[in-house]
Amino acid sequence: MTTVASFYRFVDLDDPGSLRDRLQALCEEHELLGTVLVAAEGINGSLTGARQDIGAVLDWLGSALGLDEPIDARWTPASGPPFRRLRVRVKAEIVTLGRPDLRPQRRTGRHVSPEEWNALLDRPDTLVIDTRNHYEIEVGTFPNALDPGTASFRDFPGFAARLAAEDRNRPLAMFCTGGIRCEKATALMLELGFTEVNQLQGGILNYLDAMAGRDNRWNGECFVFDTRVAVDRDLEEGGYVQCHACRRPLSAGDLASPDYREGVSCPHCVSGLEDERARRLEERRRQVRLARERGAAHIGPAAAGRGKAEG
């Protein structure tokens, strides 16, 4: 059984590039795969490998960042490696809101436990906001959660500004996959003047791990940013696959559509697929098929996996 550790920490970094170089070397030394993003605002990553090797890297990272407490990682079993390569990259933000000036480590929404979260869901005055993208929300969400209708997290500030213009006095309960997007989204809401702003501690994945049976209010599956595509309420690999052209999660109904061509198109992207890109994807599909027939692994975007750190 493969182990996946997902983690983030908002912390001020003076030299992200230097940390990136040292972290890349250490991950390679421990033979880890995955994606880690480093920015002036902190670090965000998902790594897979032997648990003791990941633990050694996280221990080093906590020391390098000068943290008083260990980095709190979310550990998840996987039937196979969900990443196929290692990427450690310097970015402007570890989660892209378009607001690198926001510092959640200084001011963010109140963290609530899964048990407290259920109580918030039961409050009729609470506005529950799913801070994820629309294609993620289609896979699953909490009952009565508001969909901001965003295609990317960069779109969220526009939604937030419109909401603030309507009513800034309503209590907010906000959530995302692993917590990191809510750290920045709730910081933004506080900046916009909302006074009671709550966020689900550890995100959906922590909730699914903590809540069982009828106490679990989640509907559907949860999209994740690796080759598993989605996990179910028991955190087992779900029933979705991913379109290699547009990266959307695909249901059984999508796969049955005549617009679905494996590795080329799906019902969500076929109308915008240009002929030249379609030809390239068809050729890549052919190369993947030939590689499979030879028993070899095809290296390229269609087979390499996303390996994108998110949450």
Protein backbone atom coordinates (compact mmCIF):
# COMPACT_ATOMS: atom_id res chain seq x y z
CA MET A 1 0.00 0.00 0.00
CA THR A 2 1.38 3.40 -1.02
CA THR A 3 1.25 6.36 1.36
CA VAL A 4 0.37 9.89 0.29
CA ALA A 5 1.09 12.87 2.54
CA SER A 6 -0.51 16.23 1.78
CA PHE A 7 0.58 19.32 3.68
CA TYR A 8 0.82 23.09 3.63
CA ARG A 9 1.99 25.86 5.87
CA PHE A 10 1.62 29.60 5.47
CA VAL A 11 4.88 31.11 6.70
CA ASP A 12 7.01 34.05 5.53
CA LEU A 13 9.97 32.89 3.41
CA ASP A 14 12.86 35.22 2.55
CA ASP A 15 14.46 32.94 -0.07
CA PRO A 16 11.98 30.49 -1.67
CA GLY A 17 14.49 29.53 -4.38
CA SER A 18 17.12 28.33 -1.92
CA LEU A 19 14.56 26.29 0.00
CA ARG A 20 13.29 24.80 -3.24
CA ASP A 21 16.78 23.59 -4.24
CA ARG A 22 17.47 21.96 -0.89
CA LEU A 23 14.02 20.37 -0.74
CA GLN A 24 14.31 18.99 -4.28
CA ALA A 25 17.61 17.30 -3.43
CA LEU A 26 16.25 15.81 -0.22
CA CYS A 27 13.10 14.43 -1.89
CA GLU A 28 15.24 12.84 -4.59
CA GLU A 29 17.50 11.33 -1.92
CA HIS A 30 14.44 9.73 -0.28
CA GLU A 31 13.00 8.64 -3.66
CA LEU A 32 9.76 10.56 -3.24
CA LEU A 33 7.32 11.54 -5.99
CA GLY A 34 4.76 14.32 -6.04
CA THR A 35 4.51 18.10 -6.27
CA VAL A 36 5.65 20.77 -3.82
CA LEU A 37 5.07 24.50 -4.38
CA VAL A 38 7.25 27.06 -2.60
CA ALA A 39 6.50 30.80 -2.43
CA ALA A 40 7.17 33.81 -0.27
CA GLU A 41 3.91 33.02 1.54
CA GLY A 42 4.77 29.41 2.44
CA ILE A 43 4.76 25.84 1.16
CA ASN A 44 2.13 23.45 -0.23
CA GLY A 45 2.67 19.89 -1.36
CA SER A 46 1.70 16.26 -1.78
CA LEU A 47 4.33 13.52 -1.65
CA THR A 48 4.18 9.77 -2.05
CA GLY A 49 6.70 7.14 -0.98
CA ALA A 50 7.68 5.24 2.16
CA ARG A 51 6.13 6.83 5.23
CA GLN A 52 9.46 7.06 7.05
CA ASP A 53 11.03 8.85 4.08
CA ILE A 54 8.20 11.37 3.85
CA GLY A 55 8.44 11.85 7.62
CA ALA A 56 12.16 12.58 7.37
CA VAL A 57 11.53 15.24 4.72
CA LEU A 58 8.74 16.85 6.77
CA ASP A 59 10.95 16.88 9.88
CA TRP A 60 13.71 18.62 7.91
CA LEU A 61 11.21 21.05 6.43
CA GLY A 62 9.84 22.01 9.85
CA SER A 63 13.37 22.73 11.03
CA ALA A 64 14.28 24.66 7.87
CA LEU A 65 11.17 26.83 8.25
CA GLY A 66 11.91 27.47 11.93
CA LEU A 67 8.55 26.09 13.04
CA ASP A 68 7.79 25.56 16.72
CA GLU A 69 5.61 22.54 15.94
CA PRO A 70 5.75 19.75 13.32
CA ILE A 71 4.09 20.18 9.96
CA ASP A 72 0.63 18.63 10.16
CA ALA A 73 0.34 16.33 7.14
CA ARG A 74 -2.75 14.42 6.03
CA TRP A 75 -1.79 10.79 5.45
CA THR A 76 -3.82 8.80 2.95
CA PRO A 77 -3.33 5.23 1.70
CA ALA A 78 -3.46 4.63 -2.06
CA SER A 79 -3.58 1.39 -4.05
CA GLY A 80 -0.73 2.62 -6.26
CA PRO A 81 1.52 5.67 -6.64
CA PRO A 82 -0.77 8.63 -7.47
CA PHE A 83 2.19 10.62 -8.85
CA ARG A 84 4.67 9.56 -11.51
CA ARG A 85 7.38 12.15 -11.04
CA LEU A 86 8.73 14.77 -8.63
CA ARG A 87 8.25 18.49 -9.06
CA VAL A 88 9.43 21.14 -6.58
CA ARG A 89 8.65 24.57 -7.99
CA VAL A 90 8.84 28.21 -6.93
CA LYS A 91 5.57 30.09 -7.51
CA ALA A 92 4.14 33.52 -6.74
CA GLU A 93 1.53 31.85 -4.49
CA ILE A 94 1.22 28.35 -3.05
CA VAL A 95 -2.47 28.50 -3.92
CA THR A 96 -3.31 30.94 -6.70
CA LEU A 97 -5.91 33.49 -5.66
CA GLY A 98 -4.16 36.39 -7.37
CA ARG A 99 -3.52 37.95 -3.96
CA PRO A 100 0.05 37.16 -2.89
CA ASP A 101 -0.20 40.04 -0.40
CA LEU A 102 -2.75 38.19 1.78
CA ARG A 103 -1.12 36.47 4.75
CA PRO A 104 -3.42 33.88 6.37
CA GLN A 105 -0.76 33.19 9.01
CA ARG A 106 -1.60 36.63 10.39
CA ARG A 107 -5.38 36.65 9.95
CA THR A 108 -7.74 33.96 8.73
CA GLY A 109 -11.15 32.48 9.50
CA ARG A 110 -11.92 30.47 12.64
CA HIS A 111 -11.09 26.79 12.26
CA VAL A 112 -13.92 24.46 13.24
CA SER A 113 -13.79 20.70 13.80
CA PRO A 114 -15.92 18.26 11.77
CA GLU A 115 -18.31 18.01 14.73
CA GLU A 116 -18.63 21.80 14.96
CA TRP A 117 -19.05 21.88 11.19
CA ASN A 118 -22.20 19.76 11.38
CA ALA A 119 -23.63 22.20 13.93
CA LEU A 120 -22.92 25.08 11.56
CA LEU A 121 -24.67 23.23 8.74
CA ASP A 122 -27.75 22.96 10.96
CA ARG A 123 -27.88 26.71 11.67
CA PRO A 124 -30.48 28.27 9.32
CA ASP A 125 -28.66 31.62 9.21
CA THR A 126 -25.34 30.14 8.07
CA LEU A 127 -24.23 30.70 4.48
CA VAL A 128 -22.23 27.60 3.48
CA ILE A 129 -19.73 28.34 0.69
CA ASP A 130 -17.85 25.75 -1.35
CA THR A 131 -14.64 27.57 -2.32
CA ARG A 132 -13.63 24.98 -4.93
CA ASN A 133 -14.08 25.17 -8.69
CA HIS A 134 -17.36 24.29 -10.37
CA TYR A 135 -16.07 21.06 -11.94
CA GLU A 136 -15.03 19.83 -8.47
CA ILE A 137 -18.41 20.70 -7.00
CA GLU A 138 -20.14 18.64 -9.69
CA VAL A 139 -18.44 15.54 -8.23
CA GLY A 140 -19.74 16.14 -4.69
CA THR A 141 -20.42 18.76 -2.01
CA PHE A 142 -22.27 19.44 1.25
CA PRO A 143 -26.07 19.93 1.26
CA ASN A 144 -27.19 23.49 0.46
CA ALA A 145 -23.64 24.70 -0.15
CA LEU A 146 -23.33 27.73 -2.42
CA ASP A 147 -21.43 27.15 -5.66
CA PRO A 148 -19.48 30.35 -6.55
CA GLY A 149 -19.44 29.22 -10.19
CA THR A 150 -15.69 29.63 -10.51
CA ALA A 151 -13.55 27.97 -13.18
CA SER A 152 -10.39 28.62 -11.14
CA PHE A 153 -9.55 29.94 -7.67
CA ARG A 154 -8.46 33.21 -9.32
CA ASP A 155 -12.16 33.87 -10.00
CA PHE A 156 -13.08 33.72 -6.30
CA PRO A 157 -12.29 37.39 -5.43
CA GLY A 158 -14.91 38.56 -7.92
CA PHE A 159 -17.53 36.32 -6.35
CA ALA A 160 -16.48 37.46 -2.86
CA ALA A 161 -16.77 41.15 -3.78
CA ARG A 162 -20.28 40.65 -5.13
CA LEU A 163 -21.30 38.76 -2.00
CA ALA A 164 -19.86 41.48 0.25
CA ALA A 165 -21.90 44.10 -1.57
CA GLU A 166 -25.08 42.18 -0.73
CA ASP A 167 -24.68 41.26 2.95
CA ARG A 168 -21.58 41.17 5.13
CA ASN A 169 -23.40 40.34 8.36
CA ARG A 170 -24.39 36.75 7.60
CA PRO A 171 -22.27 34.01 9.29
CA LEU A 172 -20.08 32.16 6.78
CA ALA A 173 -19.04 28.50 6.81
CA MET A 174 -16.45 27.83 4.12
CA PHE A 175 -14.72 24.65 2.97
CA CYS A 176 -12.38 23.20 0.36
CA THR A 177 -10.55 19.91 -0.28
CA GLY A 178 -7.73 20.08 2.26
CA GLY A 179 -8.03 23.50 3.89
CA ILE A 180 -5.50 25.63 2.05
CA ARG A 181 -7.89 27.47 -0.25
CA CYS A 182 -10.09 28.32 2.73
CA GLU A 183 -7.12 29.81 4.58
CA LYS A 184 -6.82 32.45 1.86
CA ALA A 185 -10.53 32.70 1.02
CA THR A 186 -11.51 33.37 4.63
CA ALA A 187 -8.67 35.89 4.97
CA LEU A 188 -10.15 37.66 1.95
CA MET A 189 -13.66 37.60 3.47
CA LEU A 190 -12.37 39.18 6.67
CA GLU A 191 -10.65 41.88 4.61
CA LEU A 192 -13.97 42.54 2.85
CA GLY A 193 -15.72 43.16 6.17
CA PHE A 194 -17.42 39.87 7.03
CA THR A 195 -17.38 39.46 10.80
CA GLU A 196 -18.21 35.78 11.46
CA VAL A 197 -16.07 33.65 9.13
CA ASN A 198 -15.57 29.93 9.78
CA GLN A 199 -13.57 27.31 7.87
CA LEU A 200 -13.62 23.52 8.03
CA GLN A 201 -10.42 22.36 9.72
CA GLY A 202 -8.45 20.11 7.37
CA GLY A 203 -11.07 20.44 4.65
CA ILE A 204 -13.31 17.76 3.17
CA LEU A 205 -10.70 15.02 3.42
CA ASN A 206 -10.30 15.52 7.17
CA TYR A 207 -14.09 15.56 7.53
CA LEU A 208 -14.49 12.27 5.64
CA ASP A 209 -11.78 10.71 7.79
CA ALA A 210 -13.43 11.86 11.04
CA MET A 211 -17.15 11.44 10.40
CA ALA A 212 -18.83 8.09 9.87
CA GLY A 213 -22.32 6.82 9.15
CA ARG A 214 -25.22 9.21 9.52
CA ASP A 215 -22.97 11.88 11.01
CA ASN A 216 -21.33 12.22 7.58
CA ARG A 217 -23.24 14.91 5.65
CA TRP A 218 -21.14 14.70 2.48
CA ASN A 219 -22.93 13.96 -0.81
CA GLY A 220 -21.07 12.31 -3.69
CA GLU A 221 -17.31 11.94 -4.07
CA CYS A 222 -14.45 14.35 -3.52
CA PHE A 223 -12.22 15.42 -6.40
CA VAL A 224 -8.50 15.15 -5.61
CA PHE A 225 -5.50 16.49 -7.53
CA ASP A 226 -3.77 13.24 -8.40
CA THR A 227 -4.33 10.17 -10.55
CA ARG A 228 -7.07 8.84 -8.26
CA VAL A 229 -9.26 11.70 -9.62
CA ALA A 230 -11.81 11.33 -6.78
CA VAL A 231 -12.28 9.52 -3.47
CA ASP A 232 -15.52 8.27 -1.94
CA ARG A 233 -16.89 8.79 1.59
CA ASP A 234 -14.52 6.09 2.87
CA LEU A 235 -11.52 7.80 1.21
CA GLU A 236 -11.23 4.92 -1.25
CA GLU A 237 -10.57 5.59 -4.93
CA GLY A 238 -13.84 6.70 -6.49
CA GLY A 239 -15.63 6.07 -9.76
CA TYR A 240 -14.37 9.00 -11.85
CA VAL A 241 -11.67 9.13 -14.51
CA GLN A 242 -10.05 12.23 -15.98
CA CYS A 243 -10.14 13.74 -19.45
CA HIS A 244 -6.55 14.13 -20.61
CA ALA A 245 -7.54 17.05 -22.84
CA CYS A 246 -9.29 19.35 -20.35
CA ARG A 247 -8.55 17.60 -17.00
CA ARG A 248 -12.22 17.48 -16.05
CA PRO A 249 -13.47 14.56 -13.93
CA LEU A 250 -15.69 12.26 -15.98
CA SER A 251 -18.64 10.23 -14.73
CA ALA A 252 -19.94 7.00 -16.18
CA GLY A 253 -22.43 9.06 -18.17
CA ASP A 254 -19.64 11.18 -19.65
CA LEU A 255 -17.74 8.05 -20.67
CA ALA A 256 -20.82 6.74 -22.48
CA SER A 257 -21.15 9.93 -24.52
CA PRO A 258 -20.24 9.81 -28.25
CA ASP A 259 -18.15 12.94 -27.58
CA TYR A 260 -15.80 10.97 -25.33
CA ARG A 261 -12.61 9.77 -27.00
CA GLU A 262 -10.05 8.45 -24.56
CA GLY A 263 -7.08 10.79 -24.38
CA VAL A 264 -8.63 13.21 -26.89
CA SER A 265 -11.93 14.78 -25.85
CA CYS A 266 -15.00 14.59 -23.61
CA PRO A 267 -18.48 16.18 -23.56
CA HIS A 268 -17.08 19.15 -21.61
CA CYS A 269 -14.35 20.15 -24.06
CA VAL A 270 -15.22 18.72 -27.48
CA SER A 271 -16.91 21.91 -28.70
CA GLY A 272 -13.77 23.97 -28.09
CA LEU A 273 -11.25 21.42 -29.35
CA GLU A 274 -9.24 22.78 -32.26
CA ASP A 275 -8.37 20.46 -35.15
CA GLU A 276 -4.60 20.75 -34.66
CA ARG A 277 -4.81 19.97 -30.94
CA ALA A 278 -7.13 17.04 -31.70
CA ARG A 279 -4.54 15.65 -34.14
CA ARG A 280 -1.78 15.96 -31.53
CA LEU A 281 -3.90 14.23 -28.91
CA GLU A 282 -4.84 11.47 -31.33
CA GLU A 283 -1.15 10.90 -32.08
CA ARG A 284 -0.31 10.82 -28.38
CA ARG A 285 -3.15 8.37 -27.86
CA ARG A 286 -1.67 6.16 -30.58
CA GLN A 287 1.77 6.31 -28.99
CA VAL A 288 0.34 5.36 -25.59
CA ARG A 289 -1.45 2.38 -27.15
CA LEU A 290 1.72 1.22 -28.90
CA ALA A 291 3.72 1.60 -25.67
CA ARG A 292 1.16 -0.49 -23.80
CA GLU A 293 1.37 -3.19 -26.46
CA ARG A 294 5.15 -3.24 -26.05
CA GLY A 295 4.77 -3.34 -22.28
CA ALA A 296 6.51 0.02 -21.93
CA ALA A 297 5.46 3.18 -20.14
CA HIS A 298 4.73 6.16 -22.36
CA ILE A 299 6.22 9.32 -20.91
CA GLY A 300 4.26 12.46 -21.67
CA PRO A 301 1.30 14.54 -20.55
CA ALA A 302 -1.22 11.82 -21.37
CA ALA A 303 0.47 9.33 -19.07
CA ALA A 304 2.57 11.33 -16.65
CA GLY A 305 -0.27 12.42 -14.40
CA ARG A 306 -1.06 15.89 -13.09
CA GLY A 307 0.85 15.84 -9.85
CA LYS A 308 -0.66 19.21 -8.97
CA ALA A 309 -0.60 20.38 -5.37
CA GLU A 310 -3.91 21.95 -4.44
CA GLY A 311 -6.50 21.72 -1.70
